[in-house]
Amino acid sequence: GTLASVYFFSSSWDSKDIIASVMYTAVTPMLNPFIYS
């Protein structure tokens, strides 16, 4: 979901894409241990 929002669903690189990148690089890695545990 975050990958698609960054690289496929945007026509230009703006703040929405940066927020999606934050989700991919910071939020998702943080949540994964909790999701699996």
Full PDB file with SEQRES, HELIX, SHEET, SSBOND, CRYST1, ORIGX, SCALE, CONECT and MASTER records, all heavy atoms in Angstrom:
SEQRES   1 A   37  GLY THR LEU ALA SER VAL TYR PHE PHE SER SER SER TRP          
SEQRES   2 A   37  ASP SER LYS ASP ILE ILE ALA SER VAL MET TYR THR ALA          
SEQRES   3 A   37  VAL THR PRO MET LEU ASN PRO PHE ILE TYR SER                  
HELIX    1 AA1 THR A    2  TYR A    7  1                                   6    
HELIX    2 AA2 SER A   15  VAL A   22  1                                   8    
HELIX    3 AA3 MET A   23  VAL A   27  3                                   5    
HELIX    4 AA4 THR A   28  TYR A   36  1                                   9    
CRYST1    1.000    1.000    1.000  90.00  90.00  90.00 P 1           1          
ORIGX1      1.000000  0.000000  0.000000        0.00000                         
ORIGX2      0.000000  1.000000  0.000000        0.00000                         
ORIGX3      0.000000  0.000000  1.000000        0.00000                         
SCALE1      1.000000  0.000000  0.000000        0.00000                         
SCALE2      0.000000  1.000000  0.000000        0.00000                         
SCALE3      0.000000  0.000000  1.000000        0.00000                         
ATOM      1  N   GLY A   1       0.814  -1.210   0.000  1.00  0.00           N  
ATOM      2  CA  GLY A   1       0.000   0.000   0.000  1.00  0.00           C  
ATOM      3  C   GLY A   1       0.845   1.256   0.000  1.00  0.00           C  
ATOM      4  O   GLY A   1       0.626   2.170  -0.801  1.00  0.00           O  
ATOM      5  N   THR A   2       1.837   1.319   0.897  1.00  0.00           N  
ATOM      6  CA  THR A   2       2.710   2.492   0.942  1.00  0.00           C  
ATOM      7  C   THR A   2       3.595   2.568  -0.295  1.00  0.00           C  
ATOM      8  O   THR A   2       3.835   3.651  -0.835  1.00  0.00           O  
ATOM      9  CB  THR A   2       3.591   2.456   2.202  1.00  0.00           C  
ATOM     10  OG1 THR A   2       4.298   1.206   2.255  1.00  0.00           O  
ATOM     11  CG2 THR A   2       2.752   2.591   3.454  1.00  0.00           C  
ATOM     12  N   LEU A   3       4.064   1.422  -0.772  1.00  0.00           N  
ATOM     13  CA  LEU A   3       4.917   1.399  -1.958  1.00  0.00           C  
ATOM     14  C   LEU A   3       4.159   1.918  -3.180  1.00  0.00           C  
ATOM     15  O   LEU A   3       4.679   2.710  -3.972  1.00  0.00           O  
ATOM     16  CB  LEU A   3       5.417  -0.026  -2.210  1.00  0.00           C  
ATOM     17  CG  LEU A   3       6.759  -0.187  -2.935  1.00  0.00           C  
ATOM     18  CD1 LEU A   3       7.877   0.434  -2.108  1.00  0.00           C  
ATOM     19  CD2 LEU A   3       7.051  -1.649  -3.185  1.00  0.00           C  
ATOM     20  N   ALA A   4       2.924   1.472  -3.327  1.00  0.00           N  
ATOM     21  CA  ALA A   4       2.117   1.897  -4.466  1.00  0.00           C  
ATOM     22  C   ALA A   4       1.799   3.387  -4.401  1.00  0.00           C  
ATOM     23  O   ALA A   4       1.810   4.084  -5.425  1.00  0.00           O  
ATOM     24  CB  ALA A   4       0.829   1.083  -4.525  1.00  0.00           C  
ATOM     25  N   SER A   5       1.534   3.891  -3.198  1.00  0.00           N  
ATOM     26  CA  SER A   5       1.195   5.310  -3.065  1.00  0.00           C  
ATOM     27  C   SER A   5       2.383   6.200  -3.400  1.00  0.00           C  
ATOM     28  O   SER A   5       2.214   7.318  -3.873  1.00  0.00           O  
ATOM     29  CB  SER A   5       0.710   5.603  -1.644  1.00  0.00           C  
ATOM     30  OG  SER A   5       1.734   5.372  -0.707  1.00  0.00           O  
ATOM     31  N   VAL A   6       3.608   5.696  -3.180  1.00  0.00           N  
ATOM     32  CA  VAL A   6       4.803   6.479  -3.480  1.00  0.00           C  
ATOM     33  C   VAL A   6       5.135   6.444  -4.967  1.00  0.00           C  
ATOM     34  O   VAL A   6       5.376   7.478  -5.595  1.00  0.00           O  
ATOM     35  CB  VAL A   6       6.010   5.963  -2.664  1.00  0.00           C  
ATOM     36  CG1 VAL A   6       7.291   6.652  -3.105  1.00  0.00           C  
ATOM     37  CG2 VAL A   6       5.778   6.195  -1.184  1.00  0.00           C  
ATOM     38  N   TYR A   7       5.145   5.245  -5.571  1.00  0.00           N  
ATOM     39  CA  TYR A   7       5.704   5.099  -6.904  1.00  0.00           C  
ATOM     40  C   TYR A   7       4.687   4.936  -8.031  1.00  0.00           C  
ATOM     41  O   TYR A   7       5.058   5.028  -9.205  1.00  0.00           O  
ATOM     42  CB  TYR A   7       6.655   3.892  -6.929  1.00  0.00           C  
ATOM     43  CG  TYR A   7       7.863   4.080  -6.046  1.00  0.00           C  
ATOM     44  CD1 TYR A   7       7.980   3.410  -4.835  1.00  0.00           C  
ATOM     45  CD2 TYR A   7       8.878   4.954  -6.400  1.00  0.00           C  
ATOM     46  CE1 TYR A   7       9.078   3.580  -4.017  1.00  0.00           C  
ATOM     47  CE2 TYR A   7       9.985   5.136  -5.590  1.00  0.00           C  
ATOM     48  CZ  TYR A   7      10.078   4.440  -4.408  1.00  0.00           C  
ATOM     49  OH  TYR A   7      11.172   4.624  -3.595  1.00  0.00           O  
ATOM     50  N   PHE A   8       3.422   4.705  -7.709  1.00  0.00           N  
ATOM     51  CA  PHE A   8       2.469   4.435  -8.780  1.00  0.00           C  
ATOM     52  C   PHE A   8       1.284   5.398  -8.810  1.00  0.00           C  
ATOM     53  O   PHE A   8       0.760   5.693  -9.867  1.00  0.00           O  
ATOM     54  CB  PHE A   8       1.939   2.997  -8.655  1.00  0.00           C  
ATOM     55  CG  PHE A   8       2.996   1.961  -8.872  1.00  0.00           C  
ATOM     56  CD1 PHE A   8       3.580   1.334  -7.781  1.00  0.00           C  
ATOM     57  CD2 PHE A   8       3.425   1.629 -10.138  1.00  0.00           C  
ATOM     58  CE1 PHE A   8       4.565   0.377  -7.955  1.00  0.00           C  
ATOM     59  CE2 PHE A   8       4.416   0.679 -10.324  1.00  0.00           C  
ATOM     60  CZ  PHE A   8       4.982   0.050  -9.242  1.00  0.00           C  
ATOM     61  N   PHE A   9       0.845   5.884  -7.656  1.00  0.00           N  
ATOM     62  CA  PHE A   9      -0.379   6.675  -7.594  1.00  0.00           C  
ATOM     63  C   PHE A   9      -0.133   8.173  -7.499  1.00  0.00           C  
ATOM     64  O   PHE A   9      -0.980   8.920  -7.072  1.00  0.00           O  
ATOM     65  CB  PHE A   9      -1.242   6.240  -6.400  1.00  0.00           C  
ATOM     66  CG  PHE A   9      -1.735   4.832  -6.514  1.00  0.00           C  
ATOM     67  CD1 PHE A   9      -2.001   4.083  -5.377  1.00  0.00           C  
ATOM     68  CD2 PHE A   9      -1.917   4.230  -7.753  1.00  0.00           C  
ATOM     69  CE1 PHE A   9      -2.454   2.773  -5.474  1.00  0.00           C  
ATOM     70  CE2 PHE A   9      -2.357   2.926  -7.853  1.00  0.00           C  
ATOM     71  CZ  PHE A   9      -2.622   2.198  -6.716  1.00  0.00           C  
ATOM     72  N   SER A  10       1.054   8.626  -7.855  1.00  0.00           N  
ATOM     73  CA  SER A  10       1.347  10.049  -7.787  1.00  0.00           C  
ATOM     74  C   SER A  10       1.977  10.514  -9.083  1.00  0.00           C  
ATOM     75  O   SER A  10       2.776   9.814  -9.681  1.00  0.00           O  
ATOM     76  CB  SER A  10       2.286  10.352  -6.622  1.00  0.00           C  
ATOM     77  OG  SER A  10       3.505   9.659  -6.780  1.00  0.00           O  
ATOM     78  N   SER A  11       1.588  11.699  -9.525  1.00  0.00           N  
ATOM     79  CA  SER A  11       2.116  12.254 -10.762  1.00  0.00           C  
ATOM     80  C   SER A  11       3.349  13.104 -10.524  1.00  0.00           C  
ATOM     81  O   SER A  11       4.139  13.348 -11.413  1.00  0.00           O  
ATOM     82  CB  SER A  11       1.043  13.108 -11.451  1.00  0.00           C  
ATOM     83  OG  SER A  11       0.585  14.116 -10.571  1.00  0.00           O  
ATOM     84  N   SER A  12       3.524  13.607  -9.315  1.00  0.00           N  
ATOM     85  CA  SER A  12       4.688  14.417  -8.969  1.00  0.00           C  
ATOM     86  C   SER A  12       5.094  14.129  -7.530  1.00  0.00           C  
ATOM     87  O   SER A  12       4.315  13.633  -6.740  1.00  0.00           O  
ATOM     88  CB  SER A  12       4.369  15.907  -9.131  1.00  0.00           C  
ATOM     89  OG  SER A  12       3.321  16.276  -8.251  1.00  0.00           O  
ATOM     90  N   TRP A  13       6.344  14.475  -7.226  1.00  0.00           N  
ATOM     91  CA  TRP A  13       6.860  14.189  -5.884  1.00  0.00           C  
ATOM     92  C   TRP A  13       6.504  15.345  -4.970  1.00  0.00           C  
ATOM     93  O   TRP A  13       7.055  16.427  -5.044  1.00  0.00           O  
ATOM     94  CB  TRP A  13       8.381  14.007  -5.949  1.00  0.00           C  
ATOM     95  CG  TRP A  13       8.858  13.177  -4.820  1.00  0.00           C  
ATOM     96  CD1 TRP A  13       9.279  13.603  -3.614  1.00  0.00           C  
ATOM     97  CD2 TRP A  13       8.937  11.753  -4.793  1.00  0.00           C  
ATOM     98  NE1 TRP A  13       9.617  12.536  -2.821  1.00  0.00           N  
ATOM     99  CE2 TRP A  13       9.434  11.394  -3.521  1.00  0.00           C  
ATOM    100  CE3 TRP A  13       8.654  10.748  -5.712  1.00  0.00           C  
ATOM    101  CZ2 TRP A  13       9.657  10.080  -3.156  1.00  0.00           C  
ATOM    102  CZ3 TRP A  13       8.865   9.445  -5.345  1.00  0.00           C  
ATOM    103  CH2 TRP A  13       9.360   9.123  -4.085  1.00  0.00           C  
ATOM    104  N   ASP A  14       5.549  15.169  -4.089  1.00  0.00           N  
ATOM    105  CA  ASP A  14       5.119  16.227  -3.194  1.00  0.00           C  
ATOM    106  C   ASP A  14       5.052  15.713  -1.767  1.00  0.00           C  
ATOM    107  O   ASP A  14       5.540  14.632  -1.454  1.00  0.00           O  
ATOM    108  CB  ASP A  14       3.765  16.799  -3.636  1.00  0.00           C  
ATOM    109  CG  ASP A  14       2.717  15.696  -3.810  1.00  0.00           C  
ATOM    110  OD1 ASP A  14       2.880  14.628  -3.184  1.00  0.00           O  
ATOM    111  OD2 ASP A  14       1.745  15.912  -4.546  1.00  0.00           O  
ATOM    112  N   SER A  15       4.437  16.507  -0.880  1.00  0.00           N  
ATOM    113  CA  SER A  15       4.418  16.160   0.535  1.00  0.00           C  
ATOM    114  C   SER A  15       3.684  14.855   0.805  1.00  0.00           C  
ATOM    115  O   SER A  15       4.031  14.117   1.736  1.00  0.00           O  
ATOM    116  CB  SER A  15       3.780  17.294   1.338  1.00  0.00           C  
ATOM    117  OG  SER A  15       2.461  17.545   0.892  1.00  0.00           O  
ATOM    118  N   LYS A  16       2.660  14.525   0.012  1.00  0.00           N  
ATOM    119  CA  LYS A  16       1.932  13.273   0.210  1.00  0.00           C  
ATOM    120  C   LYS A  16       2.843  12.079  -0.027  1.00  0.00           C  
ATOM    121  O   LYS A  16       2.772  11.078   0.686  1.00  0.00           O  
ATOM    122  CB  LYS A  16       0.718  13.213  -0.717  1.00  0.00           C  
ATOM    123  CG  LYS A  16      -0.395  14.198  -0.377  1.00  0.00           C  
ATOM    124  CD  LYS A  16      -1.592  14.018  -1.282  1.00  0.00           C  
ATOM    125  CE  LYS A  16      -1.227  14.388  -2.724  1.00  0.00           C  
ATOM    126  NZ  LYS A  16      -2.404  14.297  -3.615  1.00  0.00           N  
ATOM    127  N   ASP A  17       3.705  12.177  -1.033  1.00  0.00           N  
ATOM    128  CA  ASP A  17       4.630  11.087  -1.316  1.00  0.00           C  
ATOM    129  C   ASP A  17       5.675  10.961  -0.212  1.00  0.00           C  
ATOM    130  O   ASP A  17       6.104   9.855   0.125  1.00  0.00           O  
ATOM    131  CB  ASP A  17       5.318  11.321  -2.663  1.00  0.00           C  
ATOM    132  CG  ASP A  17       4.320  11.439  -3.806  1.00  0.00           C  
ATOM    133  OD1 ASP A  17       3.500  10.532  -3.953  1.00  0.00           O  
ATOM    134  OD2 ASP A  17       4.360  12.455  -4.508  1.00  0.00           O  
ATOM    135  N   ILE A  18       6.105  12.096   0.330  1.00  0.00           N  
ATOM    136  CA  ILE A  18       7.074  12.061   1.419  1.00  0.00           C  
ATOM    137  C   ILE A  18       6.457  11.410   2.653  1.00  0.00           C  
ATOM    138  O   ILE A  18       7.107  10.622   3.346  1.00  0.00           O  
ATOM    139  CB  ILE A  18       7.575  13.491   1.726  1.00  0.00           C  
ATOM    140  CG1 ILE A  18       8.365  14.035   0.540  1.00  0.00           C  
ATOM    141  CG2 ILE A  18       8.429  13.498   2.988  1.00  0.00           C  
ATOM    142  CD1 ILE A  18       8.846  15.460   0.702  1.00  0.00           C  
ATOM    143  N   ILE A  19       5.200  11.711   2.923  1.00  0.00           N  
ATOM    144  CA  ILE A  19       4.507  11.083   4.053  1.00  0.00           C  
ATOM    145  C   ILE A  19       4.413   9.575   3.843  1.00  0.00           C  
ATOM    146  O   ILE A  19       4.641   8.782   4.769  1.00  0.00           O  
ATOM    147  CB  ILE A  19       3.101  11.697   4.226  1.00  0.00           C  
ATOM    148  CG1 ILE A  19       3.218  13.146   4.686  1.00  0.00           C  
ATOM    149  CG2 ILE A  19       2.273  10.884   5.226  1.00  0.00           C  
ATOM    150  CD1 ILE A  19       1.910  13.892   4.680  1.00  0.00           C  
ATOM    151  N   ALA A  20       4.099   9.155   2.618  1.00  0.00           N  
ATOM    152  CA  ALA A  20       4.044   7.726   2.307  1.00  0.00           C  
ATOM    153  C   ALA A  20       5.418   7.085   2.468  1.00  0.00           C  
ATOM    154  O   ALA A  20       5.535   5.945   2.928  1.00  0.00           O  
ATOM    155  CB  ALA A  20       3.512   7.510   0.897  1.00  0.00           C  
ATOM    156  N   SER A  21       6.484   7.810   2.105  1.00  0.00           N  
ATOM    157  CA  SER A  21       7.842   7.296   2.283  1.00  0.00           C  
ATOM    158  C   SER A  21       8.184   7.151   3.753  1.00  0.00           C  
ATOM    159  O   SER A  21       8.883   6.214   4.144  1.00  0.00           O  
ATOM    160  CB  SER A  21       8.853   8.238   1.605  1.00  0.00           C  
ATOM    161  OG  SER A  21       8.652   8.285   0.216  1.00  0.00           O  
ATOM    162  N   VAL A  22       7.706   8.090   4.572  1.00  0.00           N  
ATOM    163  CA  VAL A  22       7.899   7.969   6.020  1.00  0.00           C  
ATOM    164  C   VAL A  22       7.204   6.711   6.532  1.00  0.00           C  
ATOM    165  O   VAL A  22       7.744   5.978   7.374  1.00  0.00           O  
ATOM    166  CB  VAL A  22       7.362   9.220   6.745  1.00  0.00           C  
ATOM    167  CG1 VAL A  22       7.308   8.991   8.248  1.00  0.00           C  
ATOM    168  CG2 VAL A  22       8.229  10.432   6.430  1.00  0.00           C  
ATOM    169  N   MET A  23       6.006   6.438   6.019  1.00  0.00           N  
ATOM    170  CA  MET A  23       5.296   5.220   6.390  1.00  0.00           C  
ATOM    171  C   MET A  23       6.133   3.991   6.058  1.00  0.00           C  
ATOM    172  O   MET A  23       6.239   3.056   6.870  1.00  0.00           O  
ATOM    173  CB  MET A  23       3.956   5.153   5.647  1.00  0.00           C  
ATOM    174  CG  MET A  23       2.899   6.097   6.150  1.00  0.00           C  
ATOM    175  SD  MET A  23       2.231   5.574   7.754  1.00  0.00           S  
ATOM    176  CE  MET A  23       1.481   4.006   7.308  1.00  0.00           C  
ATOM    177  N   TYR A  24       6.754   3.994   4.891  1.00  0.00           N  
ATOM    178  CA  TYR A  24       7.498   2.830   4.422  1.00  0.00           C  
ATOM    179  C   TYR A  24       8.820   2.661   5.169  1.00  0.00           C  
ATOM    180  O   TYR A  24       9.211   1.538   5.504  1.00  0.00           O  
ATOM    181  CB  TYR A  24       7.755   2.957   2.921  1.00  0.00           C  
ATOM    182  CG  TYR A  24       8.650   1.884   2.361  1.00  0.00           C  
ATOM    183  CD1 TYR A  24       8.231   0.561   2.312  1.00  0.00           C  
ATOM    184  CD2 TYR A  24       9.930   2.181   1.887  1.00  0.00           C  
ATOM    185  CE1 TYR A  24       9.055  -0.435   1.810  1.00  0.00           C  
ATOM    186  CE2 TYR A  24      10.749   1.201   1.385  1.00  0.00           C  
ATOM    187  CZ  TYR A  24      10.308  -0.101   1.350  1.00  0.00           C  
ATOM    188  OH  TYR A  24      11.136  -1.078   0.866  1.00  0.00           O  
ATOM    189  N   THR A  25       9.526   3.775   5.434  1.00  0.00           N  
ATOM    190  CA  THR A  25      10.862   3.685   6.011  1.00  0.00           C  
ATOM    191  C   THR A  25      10.884   3.733   7.535  1.00  0.00           C  
ATOM    192  O   THR A  25      11.856   3.276   8.143  1.00  0.00           O  
ATOM    193  CB  THR A  25      11.753   4.829   5.490  1.00  0.00           C  
ATOM    194  OG1 THR A  25      11.147   6.091   5.830  1.00  0.00           O  
ATOM    195  CG2 THR A  25      11.918   4.736   3.985  1.00  0.00           C  
ATOM    196  N   ALA A  26       9.841   4.307   8.155  1.00  0.00           N  
ATOM    197  CA  ALA A  26       9.862   4.480   9.608  1.00  0.00           C  
ATOM    198  C   ALA A  26       8.706   3.782  10.319  1.00  0.00           C  
ATOM    199  O   ALA A  26       8.914   3.089  11.321  1.00  0.00           O  
ATOM    200  CB  ALA A  26       9.848   5.976   9.952  1.00  0.00           C  
ATOM    201  N   VAL A  27       7.496   3.942   9.804  1.00  0.00           N  
ATOM    202  CA  VAL A  27       6.322   3.428  10.514  1.00  0.00           C  
ATOM    203  C   VAL A  27       6.185   1.911  10.358  1.00  0.00           C  
ATOM    204  O   VAL A  27       6.034   1.183  11.351  1.00  0.00           O  
ATOM    205  CB  VAL A  27       5.041   4.141  10.034  1.00  0.00           C  
ATOM    206  CG1 VAL A  27       3.817   3.564  10.749  1.00  0.00           C  
ATOM    207  CG2 VAL A  27       5.137   5.646  10.282  1.00  0.00           C  
ATOM    208  N   THR A  28       6.229   1.420   9.111  1.00  0.00           N  
ATOM    209  CA  THR A  28       6.064  -0.021   8.869  1.00  0.00           C  
ATOM    210  C   THR A  28       7.117  -0.864   9.590  1.00  0.00           C  
ATOM    211  O   THR A  28       6.772  -1.851  10.240  1.00  0.00           O  
ATOM    212  CB  THR A  28       6.074  -0.315   7.361  1.00  0.00           C  
ATOM    213  OG1 THR A  28       5.023   0.413   6.728  1.00  0.00           O  
ATOM    214  CG2 THR A  28       5.877  -1.800   7.095  1.00  0.00           C  
ATOM    215  N   PRO A  29       8.432  -0.524   9.511  1.00  0.00           N  
ATOM    216  CA  PRO A  29       9.415  -1.311  10.267  1.00  0.00           C  
ATOM    217  C   PRO A  29       9.178  -1.289  11.770  1.00  0.00           C  
ATOM    218  O   PRO A  29       9.501  -2.262  12.459  1.00  0.00           O  
ATOM    219  CB  PRO A  29      10.749  -0.627   9.917  1.00  0.00           C  
ATOM    220  CG  PRO A  29      10.514   0.016   8.601  1.00  0.00           C  
ATOM    221  CD  PRO A  29       9.091   0.478   8.644  1.00  0.00           C  
ATOM    222  N   MET A  30       8.614  -0.195  12.279  1.00  0.00           N  
ATOM    223  CA  MET A  30       8.323  -0.117  13.714  1.00  0.00           C  
ATOM    224  C   MET A  30       7.148  -1.012  14.091  1.00  0.00           C  
ATOM    225  O   MET A  30       7.133  -1.642  15.157  1.00  0.00           O  
ATOM    226  CB  MET A  30       8.015   1.328  14.103  1.00  0.00           C  
ATOM    227  CG  MET A  30       7.683   1.519  15.568  1.00  0.00           C  
ATOM    228  SD  MET A  30       7.135   3.186  15.969  1.00  0.00           S  
ATOM    229  CE  MET A  30       5.543   3.233  15.117  1.00  0.00           C  
ATOM    230  N   LEU A  31       6.138  -1.093  13.204  1.00  0.00           N  
ATOM    231  CA  LEU A  31       4.923  -1.840  13.522  1.00  0.00           C  
ATOM    232  C   LEU A  31       5.075  -3.343  13.370  1.00  0.00           C  
ATOM    233  O   LEU A  31       4.386  -4.111  14.047  1.00  0.00           O  
ATOM    234  CB  LEU A  31       3.773  -1.352  12.629  1.00  0.00           C  
ATOM    235  CG  LEU A  31       3.259   0.070  12.868  1.00  0.00           C  
ATOM    236  CD1 LEU A  31       2.139   0.394  11.875  1.00  0.00           C  
ATOM    237  CD2 LEU A  31       2.766   0.242  14.290  1.00  0.00           C  
ATOM    238  N   ASN A  32       5.946  -3.779  12.465  1.00  0.00           N  
ATOM    239  CA  ASN A  32       6.043  -5.210  12.159  1.00  0.00           C  
ATOM    240  C   ASN A  32       6.252  -6.109  13.373  1.00  0.00           C  
ATOM    241  O   ASN A  32       5.587  -7.144  13.507  1.00  0.00           O  
ATOM    242  CB  ASN A  32       7.135  -5.452  11.114  1.00  0.00           C  
ATOM    243  CG  ASN A  32       6.667  -5.136   9.710  1.00  0.00           C  
ATOM    244  OD1 ASN A  32       5.488  -4.856   9.488  1.00  0.00           O  
ATOM    245  ND2 ASN A  32       7.578  -5.156   8.752  1.00  0.00           N  
ATOM    246  N   PRO A  33       7.169  -5.776  14.314  1.00  0.00           N  
ATOM    247  CA  PRO A  33       7.320  -6.654  15.485  1.00  0.00           C  
ATOM    248  C   PRO A  33       6.034  -6.765  16.299  1.00  0.00           C  
ATOM    249  O   PRO A  33       5.723  -7.835  16.828  1.00  0.00           O  
ATOM    250  CB  PRO A  33       8.431  -5.964  16.302  1.00  0.00           C  
ATOM    251  CG  PRO A  33       9.169  -5.132  15.321  1.00  0.00           C  
ATOM    252  CD  PRO A  33       8.150  -4.675  14.330  1.00  0.00           C  
ATOM    253  N   PHE A  34       5.284  -5.671  16.403  1.00  0.00           N  
ATOM    254  CA  PHE A  34       4.037  -5.701  17.161  1.00  0.00           C  
ATOM    255  C   PHE A  34       2.966  -6.499  16.422  1.00  0.00           C  
ATOM    256  O   PHE A  34       2.190  -7.245  17.031  1.00  0.00           O  
ATOM    257  CB  PHE A  34       3.545  -4.276  17.420  1.00  0.00           C  
ATOM    258  CG  PHE A  34       4.489  -3.449  18.237  1.00  0.00           C  
ATOM    259  CD1 PHE A  34       5.331  -2.538  17.633  1.00  0.00           C  
ATOM    260  CD2 PHE A  34       4.550  -3.610  19.609  1.00  0.00           C  
ATOM    261  CE1 PHE A  34       6.212  -1.776  18.388  1.00  0.00           C  
ATOM    262  CE2 PHE A  34       5.428  -2.855  20.379  1.00  0.00           C  
ATOM    263  CZ  PHE A  34       6.266  -1.939  19.763  1.00  0.00           C  
ATOM    264  N   ILE A  35       2.922  -6.356  15.109  1.00  0.00           N  
ATOM    265  CA  ILE A  35       1.930  -7.083  14.309  1.00  0.00           C  
ATOM    266  C   ILE A  35       2.130  -8.590  14.450  1.00  0.00           C  
ATOM    267  O   ILE A  35       1.166  -9.351  14.604  1.00  0.00           O  
ATOM    268  CB  ILE A  35       2.024  -6.673  12.829  1.00  0.00           C  
ATOM    269  CG1 ILE A  35       1.608  -5.208  12.660  1.00  0.00           C  
ATOM    270  CG2 ILE A  35       1.144  -7.564  11.958  1.00  0.00           C  
ATOM    271  CD1 ILE A  35       1.887  -4.655  11.275  1.00  0.00           C  
ATOM    272  N   TYR A  36       3.393  -9.020  14.424  1.00  0.00           N  
ATOM    273  CA  TYR A  36       3.681 -10.455  14.491  1.00  0.00           C  
ATOM    274  C   TYR A  36       3.679 -10.995  15.919  1.00  0.00           C  
ATOM    275  O   TYR A  36       3.710 -12.207  16.115  1.00  0.00           O  
ATOM    276  CB  TYR A  36       5.035 -10.750  13.840  1.00  0.00           C  
ATOM    277  CG  TYR A  36       4.969 -10.830  12.329  1.00  0.00           C  
ATOM    278  CD1 TYR A  36       5.421  -9.788  11.540  1.00  0.00           C  
ATOM    279  CD2 TYR A  36       4.440 -11.953  11.695  1.00  0.00           C  
ATOM    280  CE1 TYR A  36       5.365  -9.854  10.157  1.00  0.00           C  
ATOM    281  CE2 TYR A  36       4.377 -12.034  10.320  1.00  0.00           C  
ATOM    282  CZ  TYR A  36       4.836 -10.987   9.557  1.00  0.00           C  
ATOM    283  OH  TYR A  36       4.772 -11.058   8.195  1.00  0.00           O  
ATOM    284  N   SER A  37       3.650 -10.107  16.913  1.00  0.00           N  
ATOM    285  CA  SER A  37       3.787 -10.564  18.295  1.00  0.00           C  
ATOM    286  C   SER A  37       2.511 -10.483  19.121  1.00  0.00           C  
ATOM    287  O   SER A  37       2.297 -11.311  20.006  1.00  0.00           O  
ATOM    288  CB  SER A  37       4.882  -9.749  19.005  1.00  0.00           C  
ATOM    289  OG  SER A  37       6.098  -9.835  18.314  1.00  0.00           O  
TER     290      SER A  37                                                      
MASTER        0    0    0    4    0    0    0    6  289    1    0    3          
END                                                                             
